[in-house]
Amino acid sequence: MTLRERIAAHGGQFHCHQIHAEENQKTVTFAHELLPPREATLPDVPGLKDFYGQFGGLRLYAHQDDAEEAAFHVAHPSEWAALEACYRGWVDDEEDDEFLPSSEGGYLVVGEEPATGNYLLVQQHGEGAGAVVLFDHDGFEFVELGDSLLDFVERALEPDGQALTAMASHMRFRTEGSDAQWWIVEMRDNGGRVVRTEV
């Protein structure tokens, strides 16, 4: 089975409780949104052609009732400039040697954790070129998520408790007309995987 087929076939549910009212429970169905590959001009960075030869974009763990809410969004290259501008709004006023990794200036902003101010970066140059790093604006942390975009996706399909907790930290599953926010307690996927958040 190809990675694309695996992603398309993968789905499941998040079992949640309401934040500040844990007695209230909710089940949220998730799936992944795959866009077909389409023409793009790509820089010569390891892994980019491999990924964009299969996908035009990708939303991982998208809420079935609101695809805009997802754990990760890997964007088509036509969207990179807009993402770069948003990312730059966070880092341009910072001292490079204080917050930013040594290869700053050599990153492509290829995606985001939707509606968080956190961005997926791909290292362009040097040792580790092609690696995927998450910029977390809360504390200006840079967290490596994979050796390449495809490796990042492979890992995301099999989260451990720590990775699920990171996803839960920004997914709230709000519904229209309600202020209730929900915390993922457990993920159950259609492959039999059961993972609990770490709190």
C-alpha atoms as a PDB file:
ATOM      1  CA  MET A   1       0.000   0.000   0.000  1.00  0.00           C
ATOM      2  CA  THR A   2       1.382   3.415  -0.941  1.00  0.00           C
ATOM      3  CA  LEU A   3       1.633   6.229   1.591  1.00  0.00           C
ATOM      4  CA  ARG A   4      -1.162   8.064  -0.203  1.00  0.00           C
ATOM      5  CA  GLU A   5      -3.395   4.993   0.059  1.00  0.00           C
ATOM      6  CA  ARG A   6      -2.515   4.581   3.739  1.00  0.00           C
ATOM      7  CA  ILE A   7      -3.394   8.198   4.489  1.00  0.00           C
ATOM      8  CA  ALA A   8      -6.666   7.986   2.558  1.00  0.00           C
ATOM      9  CA  ALA A   9      -7.631   4.801   4.399  1.00  0.00           C
ATOM     10  CA  HIS A  10      -6.658   6.038   7.867  1.00  0.00           C
ATOM     11  CA  GLY A  11      -9.284   7.524  10.149  1.00  0.00           C
ATOM     12  CA  GLY A  12     -10.704   7.235  13.607  1.00  0.00           C
ATOM     13  CA  GLN A  13     -12.064   9.074  16.594  1.00  0.00           C
ATOM     14  CA  PHE A  14     -10.873  11.367  19.331  1.00  0.00           C
ATOM     15  CA  HIS A  15     -12.553  10.757  22.675  1.00  0.00           C
ATOM     16  CA  CYS A  16     -12.642  14.086  24.497  1.00  0.00           C
ATOM     17  CA  HIS A  17     -13.817  15.760  27.665  1.00  0.00           C
ATOM     18  CA  GLN A  18     -14.886  19.361  28.033  1.00  0.00           C
ATOM     19  CA  ILE A  19     -12.239  21.682  29.434  1.00  0.00           C
ATOM     20  CA  HIS A  20     -13.319  22.828  32.944  1.00  0.00           C
ATOM     21  CA  ALA A  21     -16.233  20.374  32.868  1.00  0.00           C
ATOM     22  CA  GLU A  22     -14.634  16.958  32.499  1.00  0.00           C
ATOM     23  CA  GLU A  23     -17.872  15.117  33.195  1.00  0.00           C
ATOM     24  CA  ASN A  24     -19.032  16.184  29.730  1.00  0.00           C
ATOM     25  CA  GLN A  25     -17.793  13.813  27.035  1.00  0.00           C
ATOM     26  CA  LYS A  26     -17.629  14.114  23.261  1.00  0.00           C
ATOM     27  CA  THR A  27     -16.453  11.926  20.382  1.00  0.00           C
ATOM     28  CA  VAL A  28     -14.958  13.617  17.325  1.00  0.00           C
ATOM     29  CA  THR A  29     -14.391  11.781  14.043  1.00  0.00           C
ATOM     30  CA  PHE A  30     -11.202  12.594  12.150  1.00  0.00           C
ATOM     31  CA  ALA A  31      -9.851  11.881   8.683  1.00  0.00           C
ATOM     32  CA  HIS A  32      -7.101  13.275   6.482  1.00  0.00           C
ATOM     33  CA  GLU A  33      -7.682  15.639   3.568  1.00  0.00           C
ATOM     34  CA  LEU A  34      -5.454  14.910   0.563  1.00  0.00           C
ATOM     35  CA  LEU A  35      -5.168  17.223  -2.412  1.00  0.00           C
ATOM     36  CA  PRO A  36      -4.020  15.775  -5.744  1.00  0.00           C
ATOM     37  CA  PRO A  37      -0.557  16.761  -6.975  1.00  0.00           C
ATOM     38  CA  ARG A  38      -0.427  19.783  -9.248  1.00  0.00           C
ATOM     39  CA  GLU A  39       2.275  21.681 -11.027  1.00  0.00           C
ATOM     40  CA  ALA A  40       4.665  23.647  -8.845  1.00  0.00           C
ATOM     41  CA  THR A  41       8.146  25.099  -9.118  1.00  0.00           C
ATOM     42  CA  LEU A  42      10.175  23.625  -6.285  1.00  0.00           C
ATOM     43  CA  PRO A  43      13.598  24.535  -4.950  1.00  0.00           C
ATOM     44  CA  ASP A  44      16.233  21.809  -4.963  1.00  0.00           C
ATOM     45  CA  VAL A  45      15.728  20.687  -1.375  1.00  0.00           C
ATOM     46  CA  PRO A  46      15.804  16.998  -0.399  1.00  0.00           C
ATOM     47  CA  GLY A  47      12.359  15.464  -0.071  1.00  0.00           C
ATOM     48  CA  LEU A  48      10.264  18.228  -1.625  1.00  0.00           C
ATOM     49  CA  LYS A  49       9.857  16.595  -5.028  1.00  0.00           C
ATOM     50  CA  ASP A  50       9.105  13.254  -3.391  1.00  0.00           C
ATOM     51  CA  PHE A  51       6.301  14.822  -1.343  1.00  0.00           C
ATOM     52  CA  TYR A  52       4.804  17.161  -3.928  1.00  0.00           C
ATOM     53  CA  GLY A  53       4.955  14.450  -6.581  1.00  0.00           C
ATOM     54  CA  GLN A  54       2.284  12.670  -4.506  1.00  0.00           C
ATOM     55  CA  PHE A  55       0.372  15.488  -2.826  1.00  0.00           C
ATOM     56  CA  GLY A  56      -0.787  18.982  -3.709  1.00  0.00           C
ATOM     57  CA  GLY A  57      -1.342  19.594  -0.020  1.00  0.00           C
ATOM     58  CA  LEU A  58      -2.422  17.739   3.071  1.00  0.00           C
ATOM     59  CA  ARG A  59      -4.462  18.285   6.221  1.00  0.00           C
ATOM     60  CA  LEU A  60      -3.760  15.700   8.893  1.00  0.00           C
ATOM     61  CA  TYR A  61      -6.335  14.778  11.546  1.00  0.00           C
ATOM     62  CA  ALA A  62      -8.978  17.083  10.123  1.00  0.00           C
ATOM     63  CA  HIS A  63     -12.186  17.382  12.130  1.00  0.00           C
ATOM     64  CA  GLN A  64     -14.900  15.706  10.072  1.00  0.00           C
ATOM     65  CA  ASP A  65     -17.349  18.564  10.743  1.00  0.00           C
ATOM     66  CA  ASP A  66     -14.789  21.356  10.225  1.00  0.00           C
ATOM     67  CA  ALA A  67     -11.866  20.540   7.915  1.00  0.00           C
ATOM     68  CA  GLU A  68     -10.272  23.901   8.766  1.00  0.00           C
ATOM     69  CA  GLU A  69      -9.523  22.458  12.206  1.00  0.00           C
ATOM     70  CA  ALA A  70      -6.689  19.984  11.813  1.00  0.00           C
ATOM     71  CA  ALA A  71      -3.511  18.956  13.571  1.00  0.00           C
ATOM     72  CA  PHE A  72      -1.309  19.960  10.615  1.00  0.00           C
ATOM     73  CA  HIS A  73      -1.676  21.622   7.233  1.00  0.00           C
ATOM     74  CA  VAL A  74       1.065  21.098   4.635  1.00  0.00           C
ATOM     75  CA  ALA A  75       0.390  23.703   1.961  1.00  0.00           C
ATOM     76  CA  HIS A  76       0.839  23.790  -1.800  1.00  0.00           C
ATOM     77  CA  PRO A  77       3.889  25.886  -2.790  1.00  0.00           C
ATOM     78  CA  SER A  78       1.551  28.590  -4.110  1.00  0.00           C
ATOM     79  CA  GLU A  79       0.597  29.245  -0.458  1.00  0.00           C
ATOM     80  CA  TRP A  80       4.131  29.416   0.912  1.00  0.00           C
ATOM     81  CA  ALA A  81       4.566  33.185   0.496  1.00  0.00           C
ATOM     82  CA  ALA A  82       1.498  33.945   2.627  1.00  0.00           C
ATOM     83  CA  LEU A  83       2.674  31.519   5.311  1.00  0.00           C
ATOM     84  CA  GLU A  84       6.165  33.036   5.208  1.00  0.00           C
ATOM     85  CA  ALA A  85       4.712  36.514   5.799  1.00  0.00           C
ATOM     86  CA  CYS A  86       2.795  35.295   8.853  1.00  0.00           C
ATOM     87  CA  TYR A  87       5.833  33.474  10.236  1.00  0.00           C
ATOM     88  CA  ARG A  88       8.022  36.550   9.700  1.00  0.00           C
ATOM     89  CA  GLY A  89       5.592  38.549  11.788  1.00  0.00           C
ATOM     90  CA  TRP A  90       6.714  36.453  14.748  1.00  0.00           C
ATOM     91  CA  VAL A  91      10.465  36.298  14.219  1.00  0.00           C
ATOM     92  CA  ASP A  92      11.637  39.399  12.349  1.00  0.00           C
ATOM     93  CA  ASP A  93      12.059  41.509  15.485  1.00  0.00           C
ATOM     94  CA  GLU A  94      13.980  38.853  17.394  1.00  0.00           C
ATOM     95  CA  GLU A  95      17.743  38.589  17.761  1.00  0.00           C
ATOM     96  CA  ASP A  96      18.845  35.609  15.667  1.00  0.00           C
ATOM     97  CA  ASP A  97      21.377  34.360  18.181  1.00  0.00           C
ATOM     98  CA  GLU A  98      18.870  34.574  21.035  1.00  0.00           C
ATOM     99  CA  PHE A  99      15.923  32.605  19.679  1.00  0.00           C
ATOM    100  CA  LEU A 100      16.475  31.326  16.179  1.00  0.00           C
ATOM    101  CA  PRO A 101      18.291  28.156  15.099  1.00  0.00           C
ATOM    102  CA  SER A 102      21.655  28.489  13.385  1.00  0.00           C
ATOM    103  CA  SER A 103      20.239  27.707   9.941  1.00  0.00           C
ATOM    104  CA  GLU A 104      17.692  30.554  10.124  1.00  0.00           C
ATOM    105  CA  GLY A 105      17.411  32.148   6.706  1.00  0.00           C
ATOM    106  CA  GLY A 106      17.611  28.681   5.228  1.00  0.00           C
ATOM    107  CA  TYR A 107      14.055  27.587   5.976  1.00  0.00           C
ATOM    108  CA  LEU A 108      10.986  27.286   3.775  1.00  0.00           C
ATOM    109  CA  VAL A 109       7.648  27.843   5.508  1.00  0.00           C
ATOM    110  CA  VAL A 110       5.561  25.011   4.048  1.00  0.00           C
ATOM    111  CA  GLY A 111       2.689  24.612   6.477  1.00  0.00           C
ATOM    112  CA  GLU A 112       1.175  25.316   9.851  1.00  0.00           C
ATOM    113  CA  GLU A 113      -0.764  24.093  12.811  1.00  0.00           C
ATOM    114  CA  PRO A 114      -3.969  25.860  11.733  1.00  0.00           C
ATOM    115  CA  ALA A 115      -5.025  28.962  13.684  1.00  0.00           C
ATOM    116  CA  THR A 116      -2.143  28.731  16.174  1.00  0.00           C
ATOM    117  CA  GLY A 117       0.718  30.931  14.957  1.00  0.00           C
ATOM    118  CA  ASN A 118       2.876  27.786  14.758  1.00  0.00           C
ATOM    119  CA  TYR A 119       4.500  26.927  11.430  1.00  0.00           C
ATOM    120  CA  LEU A 120       6.045  23.945   9.666  1.00  0.00           C
ATOM    121  CA  LEU A 121       9.485  24.740   8.276  1.00  0.00           C
ATOM    122  CA  VAL A 122      11.758  22.760   5.976  1.00  0.00           C
ATOM    123  CA  GLN A 123      15.506  23.284   6.270  1.00  0.00           C
ATOM    124  CA  GLN A 124      16.964  24.236   2.892  1.00  0.00           C
ATOM    125  CA  HIS A 125      20.715  24.003   3.388  1.00  0.00           C
ATOM    126  CA  GLY A 126      23.486  22.162   5.155  1.00  0.00           C
ATOM    127  CA  GLU A 127      23.480  19.014   7.213  1.00  0.00           C
ATOM    128  CA  GLY A 128      19.887  18.017   7.781  1.00  0.00           C
ATOM    129  CA  ALA A 129      18.564  19.705   4.631  1.00  0.00           C
ATOM    130  CA  GLY A 130      14.979  18.605   4.060  1.00  0.00           C
ATOM    131  CA  ALA A 131      14.222  18.152   7.767  1.00  0.00           C
ATOM    132  CA  VAL A 132      10.843  19.351   9.037  1.00  0.00           C
ATOM    133  CA  VAL A 133      10.843  21.636  12.068  1.00  0.00           C
ATOM    134  CA  LEU A 134       7.862  23.071  13.941  1.00  0.00           C
ATOM    135  CA  PHE A 135       8.186  26.700  15.010  1.00  0.00           C
ATOM    136  CA  ASP A 136       6.135  27.029  18.206  1.00  0.00           C
ATOM    137  CA  HIS A 137       5.632  30.720  18.935  1.00  0.00           C
ATOM    138  CA  ASP A 138       4.925  29.983  22.607  1.00  0.00           C
ATOM    139  CA  GLY A 139       8.489  30.220  23.890  1.00  0.00           C
ATOM    140  CA  PHE A 140       9.983  30.411  20.395  1.00  0.00           C
ATOM    141  CA  GLU A 141      10.773  26.722  20.291  1.00  0.00           C
ATOM    142  CA  PHE A 142      11.930  24.869  17.179  1.00  0.00           C
ATOM    143  CA  VAL A 143      10.998  21.181  17.390  1.00  0.00           C
ATOM    144  CA  GLU A 144      12.201  18.656  14.818  1.00  0.00           C
ATOM    145  CA  LEU A 145       9.324  16.527  13.510  1.00  0.00           C
ATOM    146  CA  GLY A 146      10.931  14.498  10.733  1.00  0.00           C
ATOM    147  CA  ASP A 147      13.925  14.000   8.457  1.00  0.00           C
ATOM    148  CA  SER A 148      11.782  14.952   5.431  1.00  0.00           C
ATOM    149  CA  LEU A 149       8.172  15.831   4.651  1.00  0.00           C
ATOM    150  CA  LEU A 150       7.360  12.201   3.924  1.00  0.00           C
ATOM    151  CA  ASP A 151       9.043  11.105   7.157  1.00  0.00           C
ATOM    152  CA  PHE A 152       7.053  13.746   9.049  1.00  0.00           C
ATOM    153  CA  VAL A 153       3.801  12.391   7.592  1.00  0.00           C
ATOM    154  CA  GLU A 154       4.763   8.787   8.385  1.00  0.00           C
ATOM    155  CA  ARG A 155       5.429   9.740  12.008  1.00  0.00           C
ATOM    156  CA  ALA A 156       2.231  11.778  12.250  1.00  0.00           C
ATOM    157  CA  LEU A 157       0.173   8.728  11.261  1.00  0.00           C
ATOM    158  CA  GLU A 158       1.455   6.844  14.320  1.00  0.00           C
ATOM    159  CA  PRO A 159       1.555   9.374  17.171  1.00  0.00           C
ATOM    160  CA  ASP A 160       2.679   8.426  20.641  1.00  0.00           C
ATOM    161  CA  GLY A 161       1.230   9.986  23.781  1.00  0.00           C
ATOM    162  CA  GLN A 162       3.546  12.972  23.625  1.00  0.00           C
ATOM    163  CA  ALA A 163       2.705  13.719  19.979  1.00  0.00           C
ATOM    164  CA  LEU A 164      -1.030  13.328  20.626  1.00  0.00           C
ATOM    165  CA  THR A 165      -0.752  15.707  23.587  1.00  0.00           C
ATOM    166  CA  ALA A 166       0.920  18.272  21.336  1.00  0.00           C
ATOM    167  CA  MET A 167      -1.982  17.968  18.877  1.00  0.00           C
ATOM    168  CA  ALA A 168      -4.526  18.208  21.690  1.00  0.00           C
ATOM    169  CA  SER A 169      -2.957  21.443  22.901  1.00  0.00           C
ATOM    170  CA  HIS A 170      -4.388  23.377  19.943  1.00  0.00           C
ATOM    171  CA  MET A 171      -7.455  21.431  18.767  1.00  0.00           C
ATOM    172  CA  ARG A 172     -10.654  22.543  20.528  1.00  0.00           C
ATOM    173  CA  PHE A 173     -13.552  21.179  18.399  1.00  0.00           C
ATOM    174  CA  ARG A 174     -15.850  24.134  18.995  1.00  0.00           C
ATOM    175  CA  THR A 175     -19.327  24.042  17.516  1.00  0.00           C
ATOM    176  CA  GLU A 176     -21.428  26.953  16.312  1.00  0.00           C
ATOM    177  CA  GLY A 177     -23.438  28.527  19.103  1.00  0.00           C
ATOM    178  CA  SER A 178     -21.309  27.063  21.898  1.00  0.00           C
ATOM    179  CA  ASP A 179     -18.243  28.307  23.760  1.00  0.00           C
ATOM    180  CA  ALA A 180     -17.360  24.786  24.942  1.00  0.00           C
ATOM    181  CA  GLN A 181     -13.802  23.650  24.265  1.00  0.00           C
ATOM    182  CA  TRP A 182     -12.714  20.028  24.284  1.00  0.00           C
ATOM    183  CA  TRP A 183      -9.540  18.174  25.258  1.00  0.00           C
ATOM    184  CA  ILE A 184      -8.479  14.954  23.538  1.00  0.00           C
ATOM    185  CA  VAL A 185      -8.193  12.184  26.119  1.00  0.00           C
ATOM    186  CA  GLU A 186      -7.734   9.273  23.743  1.00  0.00           C
ATOM    187  CA  MET A 187      -7.357   8.537  20.043  1.00  0.00           C
ATOM    188  CA  ARG A 188      -8.683   5.311  18.540  1.00  0.00           C
ATOM    189  CA  ASP A 189      -7.928   4.731  14.881  1.00  0.00           C
ATOM    190  CA  ASN A 190      -9.330   2.247  12.400  1.00  0.00           C
ATOM    191  CA  GLY A 191      -6.098   0.263  12.481  1.00  0.00           C
ATOM    192  CA  GLY A 192      -6.561  -0.653  16.141  1.00  0.00           C
ATOM    193  CA  ARG A 193      -4.152   1.936  17.553  1.00  0.00           C
ATOM    194  CA  VAL A 194      -5.180   3.410  20.916  1.00  0.00           C
ATOM    195  CA  VAL A 195      -3.184   6.358  22.259  1.00  0.00           C
ATOM    196  CA  ARG A 196      -3.854   8.517  25.321  1.00  0.00           C
ATOM    197  CA  THR A 197      -2.684  12.046  25.949  1.00  0.00           C
ATOM    198  CA  GLU A 198      -0.133  12.679  28.676  1.00  0.00           C
ATOM    199  CA  VAL A 199      -1.332  15.117  31.337  1.00  0.00           C
END
